[in-house]
PDB file of N, CA and C in Angstrom:
ATOM      1  N   MET A   1       0.816  -1.189   0.000  1.00  0.00           N
ATOM      2  CA  MET A   1       0.000   0.000   0.000  1.00  0.00           C
ATOM      3  C   MET A   1       0.866   1.262   0.000  1.00  0.00           C
ATOM      4  N   MET A   2       1.899   1.268   0.822  1.00  0.00           N
ATOM      5  CA  MET A   2       2.796   2.415   0.888  1.00  0.00           C
ATOM      6  C   MET A   2       3.542   2.586  -0.431  1.00  0.00           C
ATOM      7  N   LYS A   3       3.941   1.472  -1.040  1.00  0.00           N
ATOM      8  CA  LYS A   3       4.648   1.533  -2.313  1.00  0.00           C
ATOM      9  C   LYS A   3       3.750   2.121  -3.401  1.00  0.00           C
ATOM     10  N   ARG A   4       2.467   1.756  -3.376  1.00  0.00           N
ATOM     11  CA  ARG A   4       1.516   2.281  -4.359  1.00  0.00           C
ATOM     12  C   ARG A   4       1.352   3.796  -4.208  1.00  0.00           C
ATOM     13  N   LYS A   5       1.284   4.298  -2.992  1.00  0.00           N
ATOM     14  CA  LYS A   5       1.162   5.733  -2.753  1.00  0.00           C
ATOM     15  C   LYS A   5       2.428   6.472  -3.199  1.00  0.00           C
ATOM     16  N   ILE A   6       3.559   5.862  -2.972  1.00  0.00           N
ATOM     17  CA  ILE A   6       4.824   6.476  -3.412  1.00  0.00           C
ATOM     18  C   ILE A   6       4.857   6.545  -4.933  1.00  0.00           C
ATOM     19  N   ASN A   7       4.420   5.487  -5.606  1.00  0.00           N
ATOM     20  CA  ASN A   7       4.376   5.484  -7.069  1.00  0.00           C
ATOM     21  C   ASN A   7       3.408   6.547  -7.593  1.00  0.00           C
ATOM     22  N   GLN A   8       2.261   6.721  -6.934  1.00  0.00           N
ATOM     23  CA  GLN A   8       1.306   7.753  -7.324  1.00  0.00           C
ATOM     24  C   GLN A   8       1.924   9.144  -7.147  1.00  0.00           C
ATOM     25  N   LEU A   9       2.645   9.322  -6.070  1.00  0.00           N
ATOM     26  CA  LEU A   9       3.301  10.599  -5.814  1.00  0.00           C
ATOM     27  C   LEU A   9       4.362  10.882  -6.877  1.00  0.00           C
ATOM     28  N   ILE A  10       5.120   9.872  -7.244  1.00  0.00           N
ATOM     29  CA  ILE A  10       6.142  10.029  -8.289  1.00  0.00           C
ATOM     30  C   ILE A  10       5.485  10.383  -9.617  1.00  0.00           C
ATOM     31  N   GLU A  11       4.373   9.734  -9.949  1.00  0.00           N
ATOM     32  CA  GLU A  11       3.652  10.050 -11.190  1.00  0.00           C
ATOM     33  C   GLU A  11       3.118  11.481 -11.163  1.00  0.00           C
ATOM     34  N   THR A  12       2.600  11.898 -10.022  1.00  0.00           N
ATOM     35  CA  THR A  12       2.079  13.261  -9.895  1.00  0.00           C
ATOM     36  C   THR A  12       3.190  14.286 -10.077  1.00  0.00           C
ATOM     37  N   VAL A  13       4.332  14.047  -9.467  1.00  0.00           N
ATOM     38  CA  VAL A  13       5.472  14.957  -9.609  1.00  0.00           C
ATOM     39  C   VAL A  13       5.934  15.001 -11.066  1.00  0.00           C
ATOM     40  N   ALA A  14       5.984  13.859 -11.722  1.00  0.00           N
ATOM     41  CA  ALA A  14       6.394  13.815 -13.132  1.00  0.00           C
ATOM     42  C   ALA A  14       5.402  14.588 -14.008  1.00  0.00           C
ATOM     43  N   THR A  15       4.119  14.447 -13.727  1.00  0.00           N
ATOM     44  CA  THR A  15       3.106  15.174 -14.475  1.00  0.00           C
ATOM     45  C   THR A  15       3.248  16.676 -14.256  1.00  0.00           C
ATOM     46  N   MET A  16       3.469  17.074 -13.016  1.00  0.00           N
ATOM     47  CA  MET A  16       3.652  18.502 -12.713  1.00  0.00           C
ATOM     48  C   MET A  16       4.899  19.042 -13.419  1.00  0.00           C
ATOM     49  N   LYS A  17       5.956  18.248 -13.460  1.00  0.00           N
ATOM     50  CA  LYS A  17       7.180  18.672 -14.138  1.00  0.00           C
ATOM     51  C   LYS A  17       6.913  18.880 -15.625  1.00  0.00           C
ATOM     52  N   ASP A  18       6.190  17.958 -16.241  1.00  0.00           N
ATOM     53  CA  ASP A  18       5.850  18.092 -17.663  1.00  0.00           C
ATOM     54  C   ASP A  18       5.013  19.342 -17.911  1.00  0.00           C
ATOM     55  N   LEU A  19       4.044  19.594 -17.052  1.00  0.00           N
ATOM     56  CA  LEU A  19       3.205  20.782 -17.209  1.00  0.00           C
ATOM     57  C   LEU A  19       4.023  22.068 -17.064  1.00  0.00           C
ATOM     58  N   LEU A  20       4.919  22.106 -16.090  1.00  0.00           N
ATOM     59  CA  LEU A  20       5.766  23.290 -15.910  1.00  0.00           C
ATOM     60  C   LEU A  20       6.672  23.521 -17.112  1.00  0.00           C
ATOM     61  N   GLU A  21       7.191  22.450 -17.696  1.00  0.00           N
ATOM     62  CA  GLU A  21       8.021  22.584 -18.901  1.00  0.00           C
ATOM     63  C   GLU A  21       7.200  23.133 -20.065  1.00  0.00           C
ATOM     64  N   GLN A  22       5.966  22.661 -20.207  1.00  0.00           N
ATOM     65  CA  GLN A  22       5.100  23.162 -21.276  1.00  0.00           C
ATOM     66  C   GLN A  22       4.768  24.632 -21.070  1.00  0.00           C
ATOM     67  N   ILE A  23       4.483  25.012 -19.836  1.00  0.00           N
ATOM     68  CA  ILE A  23       4.174  26.413 -19.543  1.00  0.00           C
ATOM     69  C   ILE A  23       5.383  27.291 -19.796  1.00  0.00           C
ATOM     70  N   SER A  24       6.555  26.871 -19.350  1.00  0.00           N
ATOM     71  CA  SER A  24       7.751  27.696 -19.539  1.00  0.00           C
ATOM     72  C   SER A  24       8.128  27.800 -21.015  1.00  0.00           C
ATOM     73  N   ALA A  25       7.759  26.812 -21.826  1.00  0.00           N
ATOM     74  CA  ALA A  25       8.024  26.889 -23.267  1.00  0.00           C
ATOM     75  C   ALA A  25       7.134  27.936 -23.928  1.00  0.00           C
ATOM     76  N   VAL A  26       5.946  28.167 -23.369  1.00  0.00           N
ATOM     77  CA  VAL A  26       5.018  29.143 -23.932  1.00  0.00           C
ATOM     78  C   VAL A  26       5.409  30.561 -23.526  1.00  0.00           C
ATOM     79  N   LEU A  27       5.848  30.728 -22.289  1.00  0.00           N
ATOM     80  CA  LEU A  27       6.247  32.046 -21.803  1.00  0.00           C
ATOM     81  C   LEU A  27       7.582  32.417 -22.420  1.00  0.00           C
ATOM     82  N   VAL A  28       7.630  33.612 -23.049  1.00  0.00           N
ATOM     83  CA  VAL A  28       8.844  34.036 -23.743  1.00  0.00           C
ATOM     84  C   VAL A  28       9.388  35.287 -23.068  1.00  0.00           C
ATOM     85  N   PRO A  29      10.495  35.171 -22.326  1.00  0.00           N
ATOM     86  CA  PRO A  29      11.089  36.370 -21.754  1.00  0.00           C
ATOM     87  C   PRO A  29      11.626  37.277 -22.858  1.00  0.00           C
ATOM     88  N   THR A  30      11.708  38.589 -22.586  1.00  0.00           N
ATOM     89  CA  THR A  30      12.128  39.539 -23.603  1.00  0.00           C
ATOM     90  C   THR A  30      13.586  39.395 -23.989  1.00  0.00           C
ATOM     91  N   ASP A  31      14.395  38.727 -23.186  1.00  0.00           N
ATOM     92  CA  ASP A  31      15.812  38.619 -23.511  1.00  0.00           C
ATOM     93  C   ASP A  31      16.157  37.339 -24.271  1.00  0.00           C
ATOM     94  N   THR A  32      15.144  36.567 -24.673  1.00  0.00           N
ATOM     95  CA  THR A  32      15.397  35.365 -25.449  1.00  0.00           C
ATOM     96  C   THR A  32      14.729  35.502 -26.811  1.00  0.00           C
ATOM     97  N   PRO A  33      15.247  34.777 -27.811  1.00  0.00           N
ATOM     98  CA  PRO A  33      14.636  34.849 -29.146  1.00  0.00           C
ATOM     99  C   PRO A  33      13.186  34.386 -29.119  1.00  0.00           C
ATOM    100  N   VAL A  34      12.367  35.025 -29.922  1.00  0.00           N
ATOM    101  CA  VAL A  34      10.940  34.707 -30.004  1.00  0.00           C
ATOM    102  C   VAL A  34      10.737  33.736 -31.158  1.00  0.00           C
ATOM    103  N   GLN A  35       9.785  32.831 -30.994  1.00  0.00           N
ATOM    104  CA  GLN A  35       9.477  31.913 -32.085  1.00  0.00           C
ATOM    105  C   GLN A  35       9.085  32.710 -33.316  1.00  0.00           C
ATOM    106  N   GLN A  36       9.539  32.255 -34.465  1.00  0.00           N
ATOM    107  CA  GLN A  36       9.383  33.018 -35.691  1.00  0.00           C
ATOM    108  C   GLN A  36       7.925  33.294 -36.048  1.00  0.00           C
ATOM    109  N   HIS A  37       7.017  32.385 -35.782  1.00  0.00           N
ATOM    110  CA  HIS A  37       5.641  32.559 -36.233  1.00  0.00           C
ATOM    111  C   HIS A  37       4.665  32.874 -35.099  1.00  0.00           C
ATOM    112  N   ALA A  38       5.169  33.220 -33.909  1.00  0.00           N
ATOM    113  CA  ALA A  38       4.290  33.558 -32.796  1.00  0.00           C
ATOM    114  C   ALA A  38       3.573  34.872 -33.090  1.00  0.00           C
ATOM    115  N   LEU A  39       2.271  34.920 -32.808  1.00  0.00           N
ATOM    116  CA  LEU A  39       1.483  36.131 -33.048  1.00  0.00           C
ATOM    117  C   LEU A  39       1.086  36.767 -31.728  1.00  0.00           C
ATOM    118  N   MET A  40       1.006  38.090 -31.739  1.00  0.00           N
ATOM    119  CA  MET A  40       0.565  38.847 -30.579  1.00  0.00           C
ATOM    120  C   MET A  40      -0.713  39.595 -30.962  1.00  0.00           C
ATOM    121  N   THR A  41      -1.603  39.771 -30.001  1.00  0.00           N
ATOM    122  CA  THR A  41      -2.831  40.530 -30.242  1.00  0.00           C
ATOM    123  C   THR A  41      -2.558  42.020 -30.037  1.00  0.00           C
ATOM    124  N   ALA A  42      -3.519  42.836 -30.446  1.00  0.00           N
ATOM    125  CA  ALA A  42      -3.404  44.282 -30.270  1.00  0.00           C
ATOM    126  C   ALA A  42      -3.297  44.637 -28.787  1.00  0.00           C
ATOM    127  N   LYS A  43      -4.063  43.967 -27.952  1.00  0.00           N
ATOM    128  CA  LYS A  43      -4.022  44.248 -26.509  1.00  0.00           C
ATOM    129  C   LYS A  43      -2.658  43.900 -25.924  1.00  0.00           C
ATOM    130  N   GLU A  44      -2.063  42.804 -26.365  1.00  0.00           N
ATOM    131  CA  GLU A  44      -0.736  42.438 -25.879  1.00  0.00           C
ATOM    132  C   GLU A  44       0.295  43.488 -26.283  1.00  0.00           C
ATOM    133  N   VAL A  45       0.183  43.997 -27.503  1.00  0.00           N
ATOM    134  CA  VAL A  45       1.103  45.029 -27.990  1.00  0.00           C
ATOM    135  C   VAL A  45       0.931  46.307 -27.177  1.00  0.00           C
ATOM    136  N   GLN A  46      -0.326  46.697 -26.946  1.00  0.00           N
ATOM    137  CA  GLN A  46      -0.593  47.898 -26.149  1.00  0.00           C
ATOM    138  C   GLN A  46      -0.009  47.760 -24.755  1.00  0.00           C
ATOM    139  N   HIS A  47      -0.181  46.609 -24.145  1.00  0.00           N
ATOM    140  CA  HIS A  47       0.338  46.372 -22.797  1.00  0.00           C
ATOM    141  C   HIS A  47       1.867  46.402 -22.791  1.00  0.00           C
ATOM    142  N   LEU A  48       2.471  45.775 -23.775  1.00  0.00           N
ATOM    143  CA  LEU A  48       3.925  45.706 -23.847  1.00  0.00           C
ATOM    144  C   LEU A  48       4.551  47.090 -23.982  1.00  0.00           C
ATOM    145  N   PHE A  49       3.954  47.951 -24.813  1.00  0.00           N
ATOM    146  CA  PHE A  49       4.474  49.298 -25.010  1.00  0.00           C
ATOM    147  C   PHE A  49       3.964  50.278 -23.954  1.00  0.00           C
ATOM    148  N   GLY A  50       2.964  49.873 -23.182  1.00  0.00           N
ATOM    149  CA  GLY A  50       2.399  50.745 -22.165  1.00  0.00           C
ATOM    150  C   GLY A  50       1.629  51.909 -22.761  1.00  0.00           C
ATOM    151  N   ILE A  51       0.860  51.623 -23.808  1.00  0.00           N
ATOM    152  CA  ILE A  51       0.095  52.672 -24.491  1.00  0.00           C
ATOM    153  C   ILE A  51      -1.393  52.386 -24.386  1.00  0.00           C
ATOM    154  N   VAL A  52      -2.191  53.445 -24.555  1.00  0.00           N
ATOM    155  CA  VAL A  52      -3.649  53.307 -24.520  1.00  0.00           C
ATOM    156  C   VAL A  52      -4.172  53.117 -25.944  1.00  0.00           C
ATOM    157  N   HIS A  53      -5.458  52.833 -26.024  1.00  0.00           N
ATOM    158  CA  HIS A  53      -6.137  52.526 -27.280  1.00  0.00           C
ATOM    159  C   HIS A  53      -5.917  53.611 -28.340  1.00  0.00           C
ATOM    160  N   SER A  54      -6.095  54.880 -27.954  1.00  0.00           N
ATOM    161  CA  SER A  54      -5.969  55.967 -28.931  1.00  0.00           C
ATOM    162  C   SER A  54      -4.532  56.097 -29.449  1.00  0.00           C
ATOM    163  N   THR A  55      -3.559  55.910 -28.577  1.00  0.00           N
ATOM    164  CA  THR A  55      -2.150  55.969 -29.000  1.00  0.00           C
ATOM    165  C   THR A  55      -1.841  54.820 -29.950  1.00  0.00           C
ATOM    166  N   TYR A  56      -2.401  53.658 -29.654  1.00  0.00           N
ATOM    167  CA  TYR A  56      -2.210  52.489 -30.508  1.00  0.00           C
ATOM    168  C   TYR A  56      -2.635  52.796 -31.951  1.00  0.00           C
ATOM    169  N   TYR A  57      -3.833  53.372 -32.115  1.00  0.00           N
ATOM    170  CA  TYR A  57      -4.314  53.680 -33.467  1.00  0.00           C
ATOM    171  C   TYR A  57      -3.532  54.827 -34.105  1.00  0.00           C
ATOM    172  N   ARG A  58      -3.049  55.746 -33.301  1.00  0.00           N
ATOM    173  CA  ARG A  58      -2.208  56.826 -33.832  1.00  0.00           C
ATOM    174  C   ARG A  58      -0.900  56.235 -34.378  1.00  0.00           C
ATOM    175  N   TRP A  59      -0.330  55.275 -33.671  1.00  0.00           N
ATOM    176  CA  TRP A  59       0.909  54.636 -34.125  1.00  0.00           C
ATOM    177  C   TRP A  59       0.681  53.877 -35.433  1.00  0.00           C
ATOM    178  N   ILE A  60      -0.501  53.293 -35.599  1.00  0.00           N
ATOM    179  CA  ILE A  60      -0.820  52.615 -36.865  1.00  0.00           C
ATOM    180  C   ILE A  60      -0.890  53.650 -37.986  1.00  0.00           C
ATOM    181  N   GLU A  61      -1.587  54.767 -37.741  1.00  0.00           N
ATOM    182  CA  GLU A  61      -1.696  55.832 -38.754  1.00  0.00           C
ATOM    183  C   GLU A  61      -0.328  56.353 -39.168  1.00  0.00           C
ATOM    184  N   ARG A  62       0.561  56.471 -38.213  1.00  0.00           N
ATOM    185  CA  ARG A  62       1.892  57.020 -38.488  1.00  0.00           C
ATOM    186  C   ARG A  62       2.869  55.975 -39.032  1.00  0.00           C
ATOM    187  N   GLY A  63       2.453  54.722 -39.078  1.00  0.00           N
ATOM    188  CA  GLY A  63       3.291  53.687 -39.661  1.00  0.00           C
ATOM    189  C   GLY A  63       4.251  53.008 -38.703  1.00  0.00           C
ATOM    190  N   TYR A  64       4.148  53.319 -37.405  1.00  0.00           N
ATOM    191  CA  TYR A  64       5.019  52.656 -36.429  1.00  0.00           C
ATOM    192  C   TYR A  64       4.649  51.185 -36.294  1.00  0.00           C
ATOM    193  N   LEU A  65       3.340  50.907 -36.340  1.00  0.00           N
ATOM    194  CA  LEU A  65       2.833  49.537 -36.240  1.00  0.00           C
ATOM    195  C   LEU A  65       2.111  49.184 -37.535  1.00  0.00           C
ATOM    196  N   LYS A  66       2.337  47.973 -38.012  1.00  0.00           N
ATOM    197  CA  LYS A  66       1.689  47.498 -39.233  1.00  0.00           C
ATOM    198  C   LYS A  66       1.005  46.165 -38.916  1.00  0.00           C
ATOM    199  N   PRO A  67      -0.299  46.229 -38.584  1.00  0.00           N
ATOM    200  CA  PRO A  67      -0.983  45.013 -38.156  1.00  0.00           C
ATOM    201  C   PRO A  67      -1.274  44.051 -39.298  1.00  0.00           C
ATOM    202  N   ILE A  68      -1.381  42.789 -38.935  1.00  0.00           N
ATOM    203  CA  ILE A  68      -1.906  41.751 -39.817  1.00  0.00           C
ATOM    204  C   ILE A  68      -3.377  41.639 -39.412  1.00  0.00           C
ATOM    205  N   ILE A  69      -4.295  41.900 -40.321  1.00  0.00           N
ATOM    206  CA  ILE A  69      -5.711  41.919 -39.971  1.00  0.00           C
ATOM    207  C   ILE A  69      -6.357  40.610 -40.424  1.00  0.00           C
ATOM    208  N   LEU A  70      -6.846  39.864 -39.445  1.00  0.00           N
ATOM    209  CA  LEU A  70      -7.519  38.583 -39.697  1.00  0.00           C
ATOM    210  C   LEU A  70      -8.876  38.624 -39.015  1.00  0.00           C
ATOM    211  N   GLY A  71      -9.929  38.525 -39.799  1.00  0.00           N
ATOM    212  CA  GLY A  71     -11.271  38.557 -39.232  1.00  0.00           C
ATOM    213  C   GLY A  71     -11.567  39.862 -38.514  1.00  0.00           C
ATOM    214  N   GLY A  72     -10.986  40.949 -38.970  1.00  0.00           N
ATOM    215  CA  GLY A  72     -11.217  42.254 -38.362  1.00  0.00           C
ATOM    216  C   GLY A  72     -10.402  42.519 -37.109  1.00  0.00           C
ATOM    217  N   LYS A  73      -9.555  41.571 -36.701  1.00  0.00           N
ATOM    218  CA  LYS A  73      -8.732  41.753 -35.501  1.00  0.00           C
ATOM    219  C   LYS A  73      -7.283  41.963 -35.909  1.00  0.00           C
ATOM    220  N   HIS A  74      -6.563  42.727 -35.110  1.00  0.00           N
ATOM    221  CA  HIS A  74      -5.164  43.041 -35.393  1.00  0.00           C
ATOM    222  C   HIS A  74      -4.236  42.057 -34.695  1.00  0.00           C
ATOM    223  N   TYR A  75      -3.271  41.561 -35.457  1.00  0.00           N
ATOM    224  CA  TYR A  75      -2.246  40.667 -34.929  1.00  0.00           C
ATOM    225  C   TYR A  75      -0.885  41.144 -35.419  1.00  0.00           C
ATOM    226  N   TYR A  76       0.145  40.752 -34.699  1.00  0.00           N
ATOM    227  CA  TYR A  76       1.513  41.127 -35.049  1.00  0.00           C
ATOM    228  C   TYR A  76       2.419  39.930 -34.834  1.00  0.00           C
ATOM    229  N   GLN A  77       3.448  39.832 -35.668  1.00  0.00           N
ATOM    230  CA  GLN A  77       4.446  38.810 -35.423  1.00  0.00           C
ATOM    231  C   GLN A  77       5.262  39.254 -34.212  1.00  0.00           C
ATOM    232  N   ALA A  78       5.367  38.385 -33.238  1.00  0.00           N
ATOM    233  CA  ALA A  78       6.034  38.724 -31.984  1.00  0.00           C
ATOM    234  C   ALA A  78       7.472  39.172 -32.218  1.00  0.00           C
ATOM    235  N   LYS A  79       8.157  38.536 -33.153  1.00  0.00           N
ATOM    236  CA  LYS A  79       9.561  38.900 -33.403  1.00  0.00           C
ATOM    237  C   LYS A  79       9.666  40.344 -33.878  1.00  0.00           C
ATOM    238  N   ASP A  80       8.705  40.797 -34.685  1.00  0.00           N
ATOM    239  CA  ASP A  80       8.718  42.177 -35.171  1.00  0.00           C
ATOM    240  C   ASP A  80       8.457  43.171 -34.038  1.00  0.00           C
ATOM    241  N   ILE A  81       7.542  42.821 -33.148  1.00  0.00           N
ATOM    242  CA  ILE A  81       7.220  43.715 -32.034  1.00  0.00           C
ATOM    243  C   ILE A  81       8.406  43.830 -31.085  1.00  0.00           C
ATOM    244  N   TYR A  82       9.069  42.717 -30.787  1.00  0.00           N
ATOM    245  CA  TYR A  82      10.219  42.775 -29.882  1.00  0.00           C
ATOM    246  C   TYR A  82      11.383  43.543 -30.524  1.00  0.00           C
ATOM    247  N   LEU A  83      11.551  43.419 -31.831  1.00  0.00           N
ATOM    248  CA  LEU A  83      12.575  44.219 -32.520  1.00  0.00           C
ATOM    249  C   LEU A  83      12.245  45.701 -32.430  1.00  0.00           C
ATOM    250  N   LEU A  84      10.978  46.042 -32.646  1.00  0.00           N
ATOM    251  CA  LEU A  84      10.553  47.435 -32.561  1.00  0.00           C
ATOM    252  C   LEU A  84      10.740  47.963 -31.141  1.00  0.00           C
ATOM    253  N   LEU A  85      10.442  47.135 -30.168  1.00  0.00           N
ATOM    254  CA  LEU A  85      10.599  47.534 -28.781  1.00  0.00           C
ATOM    255  C   LEU A  85      12.065  47.848 -28.473  1.00  0.00           C
ATOM    256  N   GLU A  86      12.968  47.052 -29.014  1.00  0.00           N
ATOM    257  CA  GLU A  86      14.400  47.285 -28.800  1.00  0.00           C
ATOM    258  C   GLU A  86      14.879  48.549 -29.506  1.00  0.00           C
ATOM    259  N   LYS A  87      14.321  48.843 -30.679  1.00  0.00           N
ATOM    260  CA  LYS A  87      14.801  49.949 -31.502  1.00  0.00           C
ATOM    261  C   LYS A  87      14.162  51.296 -31.184  1.00  0.00           C
ATOM    262  N   ARG A  88      13.028  51.271 -30.494  1.00  0.00           N
ATOM    263  CA  ARG A  88      12.307  52.528 -30.325  1.00  0.00           C
ATOM    264  C   ARG A  88      13.104  53.528 -29.486  1.00  0.00           C
ATOM    265  N   LYS A  89      12.916  54.782 -29.809  1.00  0.00           N
ATOM    266  CA  LYS A  89      13.571  55.864 -29.087  1.00  0.00           C
ATOM    267  C   LYS A  89      12.503  56.878 -28.713  1.00  0.00           C
ATOM    268  N   TYR A  90      12.667  57.504 -27.588  1.00  0.00           N
ATOM    269  CA  TYR A  90      11.683  58.485 -27.137  1.00  0.00           C
ATOM    270  C   TYR A  90      12.096  59.895 -27.507  1.00  0.00           C
ATOM    271  N   ARG A  91      11.095  60.669 -27.905  1.00  0.00           N
ATOM    272  CA  ARG A  91      11.305  62.107 -28.071  1.00  0.00           C
ATOM    273  C   ARG A  91      11.088  62.744 -26.698  1.00  0.00           C
ATOM    274  N   GLU A  92      11.214  64.034 -26.639  1.00  0.00           N
ATOM    275  CA  GLU A  92      11.089  64.746 -25.369  1.00  0.00           C
ATOM    276  C   GLU A  92       9.741  64.476 -24.691  1.00  0.00           C
ATOM    277  N   ARG A  93       8.637  64.476 -25.463  1.00  0.00           N
ATOM    278  CA  ARG A  93       7.309  64.268 -24.901  1.00  0.00           C
ATOM    279  C   ARG A  93       6.895  62.793 -24.891  1.00  0.00           C
ATOM    280  N   GLY A  94       7.744  61.914 -25.339  1.00  0.00           N
ATOM    281  CA  GLY A  94       7.391  60.508 -25.430  1.00  0.00           C
ATOM    282  C   GLY A  94       6.962  60.163 -26.836  1.00  0.00           C
ATOM    283  N   GLY A  95       6.890  58.902 -27.119  1.00  0.00           N
ATOM    284  CA  GLY A  95       6.514  58.463 -28.455  1.00  0.00           C
ATOM    285  C   GLY A  95       7.699  57.830 -29.150  1.00  0.00           C
ATOM    286  N   MET A  96       7.581  57.668 -30.442  1.00  0.00           N
ATOM    287  CA  MET A  96       8.618  56.984 -31.189  1.00  0.00           C
ATOM    288  C   MET A  96       9.071  57.845 -32.350  1.00  0.00           C
ATOM    289  N   GLU A  97      10.327  57.636 -32.749  1.00  0.00           N
ATOM    290  CA  GLU A  97      10.816  58.308 -33.948  1.00  0.00           C
ATOM    291  C   GLU A  97      10.171  57.651 -35.161  1.00  0.00           C
ATOM    292  N   GLN A  98      10.121  58.373 -36.260  1.00  0.00           N
ATOM    293  CA  GLN A  98       9.524  57.833 -37.480  1.00  0.00           C
ATOM    294  C   GLN A  98      10.289  56.605 -37.928  1.00  0.00           C
ATOM    295  N   ALA A  99       9.587  55.565 -38.271  1.00  0.00           N
ATOM    296  CA  ALA A  99      10.207  54.339 -38.758  1.00  0.00           C
ATOM    297  C   ALA A  99      10.816  54.582 -40.125  1.00  0.00           C
ATOM    298  N   PRO A 100      11.968  53.966 -40.401  1.00  0.00           N
ATOM    299  CA  PRO A 100      12.614  54.176 -41.712  1.00  0.00           C
ATOM    300  C   PRO A 100      11.835  53.553 -42.843  1.00  0.00           C
TER     301      PRO A 100
END
């Protein structure tokens, strides 16, 4: 009986380890390369840059952000957003320099 409980505990720990590995594979820290085809939503982009809805659309108008529109929703390749995040520079009042 004790051996069976120990085996169940070992299986539970192994399952938890597998789940943690899967979760950590999904979470992408900013200092590591991003998967080439990972997509980000408009809300994720706004949160990452710390901007509000109106600023988000202003950045689209000015060409800072170029969304992929699928079913009326905006998506971005994560690698492009992280590159933009690294390259952006602030003016005196905040914002970004014009993209080349």
